[in-house]
Amino acid sequence: MRFMRLEDVAEELNVNMPVVRGLVRSGELPAIQIGGRGLWRVERSEFEAYVERQYAASREAAEKHKSEQPAE
């Protein structure tokens, strides 16, 4: 399926809906609005790219944390 509902995104990430809405509102997770009833959809490729960015940020944070540890 090309597009995911926000509920599907929340389920995939195991977070609640306010978290997903915040990601969409901030632009961190690109989404499109369908129709005038406030239906939002996230393209699967955008979701996967978001997950990859989060992995990269986590790796970077771990490396930074590791480099800041005093040598034993």
C-alpha atoms as a PDB file:
ATOM      1  CA  MET A   1       0.000   0.000   0.000  1.00  0.00           C
ATOM      2  CA  ARG A   2       1.437   3.379  -1.017  1.00  0.00           C
ATOM      3  CA  PHE A   3      -0.207   5.556   1.651  1.00  0.00           C
ATOM      4  CA  MET A   4      -0.583   5.017   5.386  1.00  0.00           C
ATOM      5  CA  ARG A   5      -3.188   6.505   7.695  1.00  0.00           C
ATOM      6  CA  LEU A   6      -1.816   8.339  10.736  1.00  0.00           C
ATOM      7  CA  GLU A   7      -3.264   5.525  12.841  1.00  0.00           C
ATOM      8  CA  ASP A   8      -1.141   3.048  10.867  1.00  0.00           C
ATOM      9  CA  VAL A   9       1.963   5.159  11.450  1.00  0.00           C
ATOM     10  CA  ALA A  10       1.228   5.269  15.185  1.00  0.00           C
ATOM     11  CA  GLU A  11       0.810   1.506  15.256  1.00  0.00           C
ATOM     12  CA  GLU A  12       4.014   0.868  13.289  1.00  0.00           C
ATOM     13  CA  LEU A  13       6.015   3.127  15.615  1.00  0.00           C
ATOM     14  CA  ASN A  14       4.168   1.923  18.728  1.00  0.00           C
ATOM     15  CA  VAL A  15       3.372   5.508  19.783  1.00  0.00           C
ATOM     16  CA  ASN A  16       0.143   7.378  20.389  1.00  0.00           C
ATOM     17  CA  MET A  17      -1.644   9.609  17.901  1.00  0.00           C
ATOM     18  CA  PRO A  18      -0.578  12.954  19.429  1.00  0.00           C
ATOM     19  CA  VAL A  19       3.058  11.980  18.788  1.00  0.00           C
ATOM     20  CA  VAL A  20       2.335  11.259  15.117  1.00  0.00           C
ATOM     21  CA  ARG A  21       0.309  14.455  14.708  1.00  0.00           C
ATOM     22  CA  GLY A  22       3.222  16.394  16.204  1.00  0.00           C
ATOM     23  CA  LEU A  23       5.655  14.816  13.741  1.00  0.00           C
ATOM     24  CA  VAL A  24       3.370  15.753  10.846  1.00  0.00           C
ATOM     25  CA  ARG A  25       2.725  19.271  12.173  1.00  0.00           C
ATOM     26  CA  SER A  26       6.466  19.920  12.598  1.00  0.00           C
ATOM     27  CA  GLY A  27       7.214  18.644   9.089  1.00  0.00           C
ATOM     28  CA  GLU A  28       9.521  15.964  10.464  1.00  0.00           C
ATOM     29  CA  LEU A  29       7.222  13.346   8.917  1.00  0.00           C
ATOM     30  CA  PRO A  30       5.906  14.628   5.570  1.00  0.00           C
ATOM     31  CA  ALA A  31       2.208  13.986   4.977  1.00  0.00           C
ATOM     32  CA  ILE A  32      -0.543  15.141   2.649  1.00  0.00           C
ATOM     33  CA  GLN A  33      -4.071  16.175   3.471  1.00  0.00           C
ATOM     34  CA  ILE A  34      -6.809  14.476   1.492  1.00  0.00           C
ATOM     35  CA  GLY A  35     -10.079  16.318   1.011  1.00  0.00           C
ATOM     36  CA  GLY A  36     -11.443  18.923   3.349  1.00  0.00           C
ATOM     37  CA  ARG A  37     -12.157  16.679   6.329  1.00  0.00           C
ATOM     38  CA  GLY A  38      -8.642  16.672   7.739  1.00  0.00           C
ATOM     39  CA  LEU A  39      -7.704  13.202   6.525  1.00  0.00           C
ATOM     40  CA  TRP A  40      -3.929  12.896   6.476  1.00  0.00           C
ATOM     41  CA  ARG A  41      -1.860  10.270   4.698  1.00  0.00           C
ATOM     42  CA  VAL A  42       1.835   9.463   4.849  1.00  0.00           C
ATOM     43  CA  GLU A  43       3.490   7.944   1.834  1.00  0.00           C
ATOM     44  CA  ARG A  44       5.168   4.654   2.743  1.00  0.00           C
ATOM     45  CA  SER A  45       8.489   5.846   1.261  1.00  0.00           C
ATOM     46  CA  GLU A  46       8.364   8.997   3.448  1.00  0.00           C
ATOM     47  CA  PHE A  47       7.670   6.841   6.493  1.00  0.00           C
ATOM     48  CA  GLU A  48      10.634   4.580   5.689  1.00  0.00           C
ATOM     49  CA  ALA A  49      12.872   7.628   5.118  1.00  0.00           C
ATOM     50  CA  TYR A  50      11.794   9.035   8.496  1.00  0.00           C
ATOM     51  CA  VAL A  51      12.705   5.745  10.209  1.00  0.00           C
ATOM     52  CA  GLU A  52      16.117   5.739   8.493  1.00  0.00           C
ATOM     53  CA  ARG A  53      16.740   9.341   9.634  1.00  0.00           C
ATOM     54  CA  GLN A  54      15.905   8.314  13.188  1.00  0.00           C
ATOM     55  CA  TYR A  55      18.345   5.393  13.005  1.00  0.00           C
ATOM     56  CA  ALA A  56      21.062   7.718  11.700  1.00  0.00           C
ATOM     57  CA  ALA A  57      20.377  10.270  14.458  1.00  0.00           C
ATOM     58  CA  SER A  58      20.481   7.513  17.084  1.00  0.00           C
ATOM     59  CA  ARG A  59      23.805   6.213  15.759  1.00  0.00           C
ATOM     60  CA  GLU A  60      25.223   9.728  15.733  1.00  0.00           C
ATOM     61  CA  ALA A  61      24.077  10.351  19.315  1.00  0.00           C
ATOM     62  CA  ALA A  62      25.560   7.043  20.461  1.00  0.00           C
ATOM     63  CA  GLU A  63      28.889   7.832  18.791  1.00  0.00           C
ATOM     64  CA  LYS A  64      28.933  11.297  20.351  1.00  0.00           C
ATOM     65  CA  HIS A  65      28.146   9.831  23.755  1.00  0.00           C
ATOM     66  CA  LYS A  66      30.888   7.225  23.308  1.00  0.00           C
ATOM     67  CA  SER A  67      33.476   9.860  22.353  1.00  0.00           C
ATOM     68  CA  GLU A  68      32.587  11.967  25.402  1.00  0.00           C
ATOM     69  CA  GLN A  69      33.236   9.118  27.830  1.00  0.00           C
ATOM     70  CA  PRO A  70      36.549   9.396  29.710  1.00  0.00           C
ATOM     71  CA  ALA A  71      39.182   6.864  28.748  1.00  0.00           C
ATOM     72  CA  GLU A  72      39.672   4.108  31.308  1.00  0.00           C
END
